[in-house]
C-alpha atoms as a PDB file:
ATOM      1  CA  MET A   1      14.038 -16.270   3.614  1.00  0.00           C
ATOM      2  CA  LYS A   2      14.832 -14.803   0.215  1.00  0.00           C
ATOM      3  CA  GLY A   3      12.816 -11.957  -1.270  1.00  0.00           C
ATOM      4  CA  THR A   4      11.268 -12.091  -4.696  1.00  0.00           C
ATOM      5  CA  ARG A   5      11.878  -9.861  -7.663  1.00  0.00           C
ATOM      6  CA  VAL A   6       8.897  -8.457  -9.532  1.00  0.00           C
ATOM      7  CA  LYS A   7       8.638  -9.596 -13.152  1.00  0.00           C
ATOM      8  CA  ARG A   8       7.447  -6.794 -15.402  1.00  0.00           C
ATOM      9  CA  PRO A   9       6.307  -7.079 -19.008  1.00  0.00           C
ATOM     10  CA  ARG A  10       8.082  -4.659 -21.312  1.00  0.00           C
ATOM     11  CA  LEU A  11       5.624  -2.240 -22.807  1.00  0.00           C
ATOM     12  CA  GLY A  12       7.931  -0.836 -25.457  1.00  0.00           C
ATOM     13  CA  ARG A  13       8.759  -2.250 -28.890  1.00  0.00           C
ATOM     14  CA  LYS A  14      12.281  -2.515 -30.251  1.00  0.00           C
ATOM     15  CA  THR A  15      11.316  -2.455 -33.930  1.00  0.00           C
ATOM     16  CA  GLY A  16       8.479  -1.223 -36.098  1.00  0.00           C
ATOM     17  CA  PRO A  17       6.539   2.036 -35.981  1.00  0.00           C
ATOM     18  CA  LYS A  18       7.109   4.620 -33.276  1.00  0.00           C
ATOM     19  CA  PRO A  19       5.346   3.294 -30.154  1.00  0.00           C
ATOM     20  CA  GLN A  20       2.195   5.020 -28.949  1.00  0.00           C
ATOM     21  CA  PHE A  21       1.092   4.830 -25.337  1.00  0.00           C
ATOM     22  CA  SER A  22      -1.704   6.009 -23.143  1.00  0.00           C
ATOM     23  CA  VAL A  23      -1.164   7.721 -19.805  1.00  0.00           C
ATOM     24  CA  SER A  24      -2.660   4.607 -18.190  1.00  0.00           C
ATOM     25  CA  GLU A  25       0.007   2.375 -19.742  1.00  0.00           C
ATOM     26  CA  ILE A  26       2.798   4.682 -18.633  1.00  0.00           C
ATOM     27  CA  ALA A  27       1.312   4.880 -15.125  1.00  0.00           C
ATOM     28  CA  GLU A  28       1.050   1.077 -14.992  1.00  0.00           C
ATOM     29  CA  CYS A  29       4.713   0.737 -15.934  1.00  0.00           C
ATOM     30  CA  ALA A  30       5.703   3.224 -13.212  1.00  0.00           C
ATOM     31  CA  LEU A  31       3.650   1.286 -10.677  1.00  0.00           C
ATOM     32  CA  GLN A  32       5.379  -1.957 -11.612  1.00  0.00           C
ATOM     33  CA  LEU A  33       8.801  -0.326 -11.307  1.00  0.00           C
ATOM     34  CA  GLY A  34       7.904   1.101  -7.882  1.00  0.00           C
ATOM     35  CA  LEU A  35       6.595   4.634  -7.459  1.00  0.00           C
ATOM     36  CA  ASP A  36       8.993   5.390  -4.632  1.00  0.00           C
ATOM     37  CA  ARG A  37      12.114   4.810  -6.710  1.00  0.00           C
ATOM     38  CA  PHE A  38      11.570   4.793 -10.480  1.00  0.00           C
ATOM     39  CA  THR A  39      13.409   7.309 -12.643  1.00  0.00           C
ATOM     40  CA  MET A  40      12.149   8.777 -15.890  1.00  0.00           C
ATOM     41  CA  GLY A  41      15.164   7.247 -17.631  1.00  0.00           C
ATOM     42  CA  GLN A  42      14.375   3.810 -16.261  1.00  0.00           C
ATOM     43  CA  LEU A  43      10.729   4.205 -17.235  1.00  0.00           C
ATOM     44  CA  ALA A  44      11.697   5.247 -20.776  1.00  0.00           C
ATOM     45  CA  ARG A  45      13.890   2.164 -21.167  1.00  0.00           C
ATOM     46  CA  GLU A  46      11.028  -0.088 -20.079  1.00  0.00           C
ATOM     47  CA  LEU A  47       8.737   1.599 -22.592  1.00  0.00           C
ATOM     48  CA  GLY A  48      11.319   1.580 -25.374  1.00  0.00           C
ATOM     49  CA  ILE A  49      11.318   5.355 -25.859  1.00  0.00           C
ATOM     50  CA  VAL A  50      13.522   8.332 -25.019  1.00  0.00           C
ATOM     51  CA  PRO A  51      12.843  10.070 -21.671  1.00  0.00           C
ATOM     52  CA  SER A  52      11.705  13.310 -23.296  1.00  0.00           C
ATOM     53  CA  ALA A  53       8.853  11.451 -25.017  1.00  0.00           C
ATOM     54  CA  ILE A  54       7.210  10.748 -21.632  1.00  0.00           C
ATOM     55  CA  TYR A  55       6.573  14.460 -21.207  1.00  0.00           C
ATOM     56  CA  ARG A  56       4.183  14.378 -24.150  1.00  0.00           C
ATOM     57  CA  TYR A  57       1.854  12.483 -21.825  1.00  0.00           C
ATOM     58  CA  VAL A  58       2.564  13.901 -18.347  1.00  0.00           C
ATOM     59  CA  GLU A  59       3.799  17.266 -17.105  1.00  0.00           C
ATOM     60  CA  SER A  60       6.328  15.966 -14.583  1.00  0.00           C
ATOM     61  CA  ARG A  61       7.390  12.997 -12.495  1.00  0.00           C
ATOM     62  CA  GLU A  62       5.051  14.222  -9.738  1.00  0.00           C
ATOM     63  CA  ASP A  63       2.172  14.396 -12.221  1.00  0.00           C
ATOM     64  CA  LEU A  64       2.912  10.827 -13.292  1.00  0.00           C
ATOM     65  CA  ILE A  65       2.980   9.653  -9.668  1.00  0.00           C
ATOM     66  CA  MET A  66      -0.438  11.195  -9.072  1.00  0.00           C
ATOM     67  CA  GLN A  67      -1.787   9.591 -12.252  1.00  0.00           C
ATOM     68  CA  ALA A  68      -0.382   6.244 -11.106  1.00  0.00           C
ATOM     69  CA  LEU A  69      -1.874   6.557  -7.621  1.00  0.00           C
ATOM     70  CA  ALA A  70      -5.268   7.284  -9.169  1.00  0.00           C
ATOM     71  CA  ARG A  71      -4.912   4.146 -11.286  1.00  0.00           C
ATOM     72  CA  ALA A  72      -3.976   1.995  -8.278  1.00  0.00           C
ATOM     73  CA  GLY A  73      -6.883   3.395  -6.270  1.00  0.00           C
ATOM     74  CA  ARG A  74      -9.356   2.014  -8.798  1.00  0.00           C
ATOM     75  CA  LEU A  75      -8.609  -1.464  -7.423  1.00  0.00           C
ATOM     76  CA  LEU A  76     -10.491  -0.532  -4.237  1.00  0.00           C
ATOM     77  CA  ARG A  77     -14.113  -1.692  -4.454  1.00  0.00           C
ATOM     78  CA  PRO A  78     -17.145  -0.170  -2.741  1.00  0.00           C
ATOM     79  CA  PRO A  79     -18.470  -2.364   0.111  1.00  0.00           C
ATOM     80  CA  ALA A  80     -21.315  -4.765  -0.608  1.00  0.00           C
ATOM     81  CA  PRO A  81     -24.746  -3.521   0.516  1.00  0.00           C
ATOM     82  CA  GLY A  82     -26.038  -4.917   3.793  1.00  0.00           C
ATOM     83  CA  ALA A  83     -22.657  -5.834   5.287  1.00  0.00           C
ATOM     84  CA  THR A  84     -22.047  -5.453   9.007  1.00  0.00           C
ATOM     85  CA  TRP A  85     -19.613  -2.702   9.938  1.00  0.00           C
ATOM     86  CA  GLN A  86     -17.156  -5.339  11.108  1.00  0.00           C
ATOM     87  CA  ASP A  87     -17.198  -7.025   7.697  1.00  0.00           C
ATOM     88  CA  VAL A  88     -16.855  -3.672   5.966  1.00  0.00           C
ATOM     89  CA  LEU A  89     -13.543  -3.165   7.791  1.00  0.00           C
ATOM     90  CA  ARG A  90     -12.426  -6.701   6.945  1.00  0.00           C
ATOM     91  CA  THR A  91     -13.260  -6.181   3.257  1.00  0.00           C
ATOM     92  CA  MET A  92     -11.446  -2.860   3.298  1.00  0.00           C
ATOM     93  CA  THR A  93      -8.404  -4.676   4.690  1.00  0.00           C
ATOM     94  CA  ASP A  94      -8.643  -7.286   1.911  1.00  0.00           C
ATOM     95  CA  ASP A  95      -8.872  -4.663  -0.815  1.00  0.00           C
ATOM     96  CA  MET A  96      -5.982  -2.585   0.480  1.00  0.00           C
ATOM     97  CA  TRP A  97      -3.844  -5.702   0.914  1.00  0.00           C
ATOM     98  CA  ASN A  98      -4.600  -6.843  -2.652  1.00  0.00           C
ATOM     99  CA  MET A  99      -3.792  -3.388  -4.022  1.00  0.00           C
ATOM    100  CA  PHE A 100      -0.422  -3.399  -2.250  1.00  0.00           C
ATOM    101  CA  GLU A 101       0.233  -6.946  -3.447  1.00  0.00           C
ATOM    102  CA  SER A 102      -0.364  -5.798  -7.028  1.00  0.00           C
ATOM    103  CA  TYR A 103       2.266  -3.064  -6.990  1.00  0.00           C
ATOM    104  CA  PRO A 104       5.715  -3.255  -5.331  1.00  0.00           C
ATOM    105  CA  ARG A 105       6.345  -0.708  -2.574  1.00  0.00           C
ATOM    106  CA  LEU A 106       3.111   1.167  -3.249  1.00  0.00           C
ATOM    107  CA  ALA A 107       2.581   1.626   0.492  1.00  0.00           C
ATOM    108  CA  VAL A 108       6.002   3.278   0.744  1.00  0.00           C
ATOM    109  CA  ALA A 109       5.117   5.632  -2.113  1.00  0.00           C
ATOM    110  CA  LEU A 110       1.817   6.545  -0.468  1.00  0.00           C
ATOM    111  CA  SER A 111       3.600   7.430   2.763  1.00  0.00           C
ATOM    112  CA  GLN A 112       5.873   9.761   0.788  1.00  0.00           C
ATOM    113  CA  THR A 113       3.044  11.534  -1.081  1.00  0.00           C
ATOM    114  CA  PRO A 114       1.106  13.986   1.099  1.00  0.00           C
ATOM    115  CA  GLY A 115      -2.559  14.141   0.145  1.00  0.00           C
ATOM    116  CA  ALA A 116      -2.430  10.956  -1.935  1.00  0.00           C
ATOM    117  CA  HIS A 117      -5.883   9.984  -0.628  1.00  0.00           C
ATOM    118  CA  VAL A 118      -7.388  12.719  -2.818  1.00  0.00           C
ATOM    119  CA  HIS A 119      -7.763   9.981  -5.436  1.00  0.00           C
ATOM    120  CA  ILE A 120      -9.946   7.711  -3.301  1.00  0.00           C
ATOM    121  CA  GLN A 121     -12.480  10.179  -1.962  1.00  0.00           C
ATOM    122  CA  LYS A 122     -15.397   8.326  -3.576  1.00  0.00           C
ATOM    123  CA  TYR A 123     -14.194   5.037  -2.097  1.00  0.00           C
ATOM    124  CA  MET A 124     -13.711   6.594   1.333  1.00  0.00           C
ATOM    125  CA  ARG A 125     -17.250   7.989   1.331  1.00  0.00           C
ATOM    126  CA  ALA A 126     -18.618   4.587   0.295  1.00  0.00           C
ATOM    127  CA  VAL A 127     -16.772   2.818   3.138  1.00  0.00           C
ATOM    128  CA  VAL A 128     -17.756   5.389   5.759  1.00  0.00           C
ATOM    129  CA  ASP A 129     -21.395   5.267   4.629  1.00  0.00           C
ATOM    130  CA  ALA A 130     -21.327   1.458   4.756  1.00  0.00           C
ATOM    131  CA  LEU A 131     -19.866   1.530   8.275  1.00  0.00           C
ATOM    132  CA  VAL A 132     -22.658   3.838   9.418  1.00  0.00           C
ATOM    133  CA  ASP A 133     -25.309   1.751   7.661  1.00  0.00           C
ATOM    134  CA  GLY A 134     -23.770  -1.354   9.220  1.00  0.00           C
ATOM    135  CA  GLY A 135     -24.348   0.075  12.702  1.00  0.00           C
ATOM    136  CA  ILE A 136     -20.873   1.090  13.885  1.00  0.00           C
ATOM    137  CA  PRO A 137     -21.136   2.542  17.435  1.00  0.00           C
ATOM    138  CA  GLY A 138     -20.656   6.313  17.422  1.00  0.00           C
ATOM    139  CA  GLY A 139     -22.016   6.997  13.966  1.00  0.00           C
ATOM    140  CA  ARG A 140     -20.168   8.871  11.240  1.00  0.00           C
ATOM    141  CA  GLU A 141     -17.340  10.283  13.356  1.00  0.00           C
ATOM    142  CA  ARG A 142     -16.515   6.800  14.669  1.00  0.00           C
ATOM    143  CA  ALA A 143     -16.700   5.475  11.114  1.00  0.00           C
ATOM    144  CA  LEU A 144     -14.138   8.057   9.949  1.00  0.00           C
ATOM    145  CA  PHE A 145     -11.896   7.156  12.866  1.00  0.00           C
ATOM    146  CA  ALA A 146     -12.199   3.441  12.076  1.00  0.00           C
ATOM    147  CA  PHE A 147     -11.386   4.004   8.399  1.00  0.00           C
ATOM    148  CA  ASP A 148      -8.290   5.985   9.336  1.00  0.00           C
ATOM    149  CA  PHE A 149      -7.177   3.511  12.015  1.00  0.00           C
ATOM    150  CA  VAL A 150      -7.502   0.419   9.838  1.00  0.00           C
ATOM    151  CA  GLY A 151      -6.086   2.169   6.771  1.00  0.00           C
ATOM    152  CA  ASP A 152      -2.978   3.283   8.665  1.00  0.00           C
ATOM    153  CA  THR A 153      -2.580  -0.211  10.120  1.00  0.00           C
ATOM    154  CA  VAL A 154      -2.707  -1.919   6.730  1.00  0.00           C
ATOM    155  CA  MET A 155      -0.340   0.584   5.145  1.00  0.00           C
ATOM    156  CA  GLY A 156       2.117   0.406   8.026  1.00  0.00           C
ATOM    157  CA  GLN A 157       2.178  -3.392   7.889  1.00  0.00           C
ATOM    158  CA  ARG A 158       2.802  -3.339   4.146  1.00  0.00           C
ATOM    159  CA  ILE A 159       5.660  -0.839   4.480  1.00  0.00           C
ATOM    160  CA  PHE A 160       7.254  -3.150   7.045  1.00  0.00           C
ATOM    161  CA  ILE A 161       6.815  -6.187   4.758  1.00  0.00           C
ATOM    162  CA  ASP A 162       8.204  -4.328   1.742  1.00  0.00           C
ATOM    163  CA  GLU A 163      11.374  -3.597   3.689  1.00  0.00           C
ATOM    164  CA  MET A 164      11.614  -7.182   4.937  1.00  0.00           C
ATOM    165  CA  VAL A 165      11.450  -8.684   1.412  1.00  0.00           C
ATOM    166  CA  GLU A 166      13.709  -6.068  -0.198  1.00  0.00           C
ATOM    167  CA  LEU A 167      16.837  -7.686  -1.624  1.00  0.00           C
ATOM    168  CA  SER A 168      20.261  -6.159  -1.091  1.00  0.00           C
ATOM    169  CA  GLU A 169      23.103  -6.358  -3.616  1.00  0.00           C
ATOM    170  CA  ASP A 170      24.283  -9.635  -2.103  1.00  0.00           C
ATOM    171  CA  GLY A 171      20.842 -11.200  -2.555  1.00  0.00           C
ATOM    172  CA  THR A 172      19.815 -11.236   1.099  1.00  0.00           C
ATOM    173  CA  SER A 173      16.420  -9.972   2.178  1.00  0.00           C
ATOM    174  CA  GLY A 174      15.628  -7.611   5.010  1.00  0.00           C
ATOM    175  CA  LEU A 175      14.376 -10.593   6.995  1.00  0.00           C
ATOM    176  CA  ASP A 176      17.685 -12.395   6.382  1.00  0.00           C
ATOM    177  CA  ARG A 177      19.599  -9.388   7.650  1.00  0.00           C
ATOM    178  CA  ALA A 178      17.374  -9.074  10.712  1.00  0.00           C
ATOM    179  CA  ARG A 179      18.090 -12.696  11.613  1.00  0.00           C
ATOM    180  CA  GLN A 180      21.817 -12.193  11.103  1.00  0.00           C
ATOM    181  CA  ARG A 181      21.773  -9.365  13.617  1.00  0.00           C
ATOM    182  CA  PHE A 182      20.225 -11.666  16.199  1.00  0.00           C
ATOM    183  CA  GLU A 183      22.464 -14.636  15.435  1.00  0.00           C
ATOM    184  CA  GLU A 184      25.835 -13.490  14.082  1.00  0.00           C
ATOM    185  CA  SER A 185      26.420  -9.810  14.748  1.00  0.00           C
ATOM    186  CA  PRO A 186      28.223  -8.350  17.796  1.00  0.00           C
ATOM    187  CA  TYR A 187      24.801  -7.106  18.913  1.00  0.00           C
ATOM    188  CA  ALA A 188      23.324 -10.617  19.207  1.00  0.00           C
ATOM    189  CA  PRO A 189      21.912 -11.262  22.689  1.00  0.00           C
ATOM    190  CA  VAL A 190      23.777 -13.890  24.701  1.00  0.00           C
ATOM    191  CA  GLY A 191      22.171 -15.945  27.455  1.00  0.00           C
ATOM    192  CA  GLU A 192      18.900 -14.031  27.218  1.00  0.00           C
ATOM    193  CA  ASP A 193      15.405 -14.779  26.013  1.00  0.00           C
ATOM    194  CA  VAL A 194      14.996 -13.234  22.557  1.00  0.00           C
ATOM    195  CA  MET A 195      11.946 -11.022  22.271  1.00  0.00           C
ATOM    196  CA  TYR A 196      10.255 -10.887  18.890  1.00  0.00           C
ATOM    197  CA  TYR A 197      12.758 -12.970  16.937  1.00  0.00           C
ATOM    198  CA  PRO A 198      12.569 -12.321  13.153  1.00  0.00           C
ATOM    199  CA  ALA A 199      10.188 -15.005  11.913  1.00  0.00           C
ATOM    200  CA  ALA A 200       8.743 -15.989   8.536  1.00  0.00           C
ATOM    201  CA  GLU A 201       5.387 -14.749   9.805  1.00  0.00           C
ATOM    202  CA  TRP A 202       6.755 -11.222   9.603  1.00  0.00           C
ATOM    203  CA  VAL A 203       6.274 -11.217   5.823  1.00  0.00           C
ATOM    204  CA  SER A 204       2.844 -12.886   5.892  1.00  0.00           C
ATOM    205  CA  ARG A 205      -0.600 -11.416   6.376  1.00  0.00           C
ATOM    206  CA  GLN A 206      -1.250 -13.124   9.717  1.00  0.00           C
ATOM    207  CA  PRO A 207      -0.019 -10.271  11.949  1.00  0.00           C
ATOM    208  CA  LEU A 208      -2.196  -7.794  10.069  1.00  0.00           C
ATOM    209  CA  ASP A 209      -5.337  -9.887  10.459  1.00  0.00           C
ATOM    210  CA  ARG A 210      -4.753 -10.144  14.198  1.00  0.00           C
ATOM    211  CA  LYS A 211      -4.323  -6.383  14.456  1.00  0.00           C
ATOM    212  CA  VAL A 212      -7.506  -5.667  12.501  1.00  0.00           C
ATOM    213  CA  GLU A 213      -9.518  -8.076  14.651  1.00  0.00           C
ATOM    214  CA  PHE A 214      -8.117  -6.350  17.738  1.00  0.00           C
ATOM    215  CA  ILE A 215      -9.221  -2.978  16.372  1.00  0.00           C
ATOM    216  CA  ILE A 216     -12.708  -4.326  15.653  1.00  0.00           C
ATOM    217  CA  SER A 217     -12.994  -5.734  19.171  1.00  0.00           C
ATOM    218  CA  ALA A 218     -11.861  -2.421  20.647  1.00  0.00           C
ATOM    219  CA  LEU A 219     -14.381  -0.482  18.574  1.00  0.00           C
ATOM    220  CA  GLU A 220     -17.107  -2.789  19.872  1.00  0.00           C
ATOM    221  CA  LEU A 221     -16.133  -2.258  23.510  1.00  0.00           C
ATOM    222  CA  VAL A 222     -14.641   1.216  23.944  1.00  0.00           C
ATOM    223  CA  PRO A 223     -17.092   4.136  24.259  1.00  0.00           C
ATOM    224  CA  PHE A 224     -16.711   6.764  21.567  1.00  0.00           C
ATOM    225  CA  SER A 225     -15.640  10.312  22.480  1.00  0.00           C
ATOM    226  CA  GLN A 226     -16.459  13.148  20.109  1.00  0.00           C
ATOM    227  CA  GLY A 227     -13.586  14.742  18.229  1.00  0.00           C
ATOM    228  CA  ASP A 228     -12.522  16.210  14.924  1.00  0.00           C
ATOM    229  CA  ASN A 229     -14.277  14.287  12.150  1.00  0.00           C
ATOM    230  CA  HIS A 230     -11.674  15.359   9.536  1.00  0.00           C
ATOM    231  CA  THR A 231     -14.282  16.374   6.956  1.00  0.00           C
ATOM    232  CA  LYS A 232     -14.573  19.606   5.045  1.00  0.00           C
ATOM    233  CA  LYS A 233     -17.365  20.710   2.781  1.00  0.00           C
ATOM    234  CA  ARG A 234     -16.474  22.276  -0.548  1.00  0.00           C
END
């Protein structure tokens, strides 16, 4: 299976007056390039400006990454009132998946940015409150645990998919290369049952949905034990 390349609109102009941008437009361009790998030079070329001009809008590359993460986080919607806690987790999965679909390798960038969730505190509170209101067993501490568990599961699945669809210089995807290792490399198993053969499903959402439903079932059945609720008042 071949990966796909992201098509990005150029934000810069080649002719005419000196281009003017907002921080939001620059952050959007960085998101489309991939927050885990863009360079300021590459970003400037996409915008049609010199690299030094970017620093009129942001203090540093790290500042721009944080601005971009805040922009991406706005795609996450508060849960609908009256939803069951199970449906709150399913909707959370949908929203995170759609956010990661919108921006290439965003999940990778999040994993490389400690404290990135500072930008979604309002969303997190809304989801946790909805889980409690929806009757999750164990109350607020269990709701925090569920948010963390499902969030990590979605992000981990997206990181895996991003690597599987990444194209190498020869045009093969990570999934292609995984299959080659099982079929053509000196490491290929001979005369044995192959466990977990690289399949097209690996780059689909199906495995994630099964994992989330498993988590929901476990939360319904497993008694909750008190622990650190990971909250801090300011």
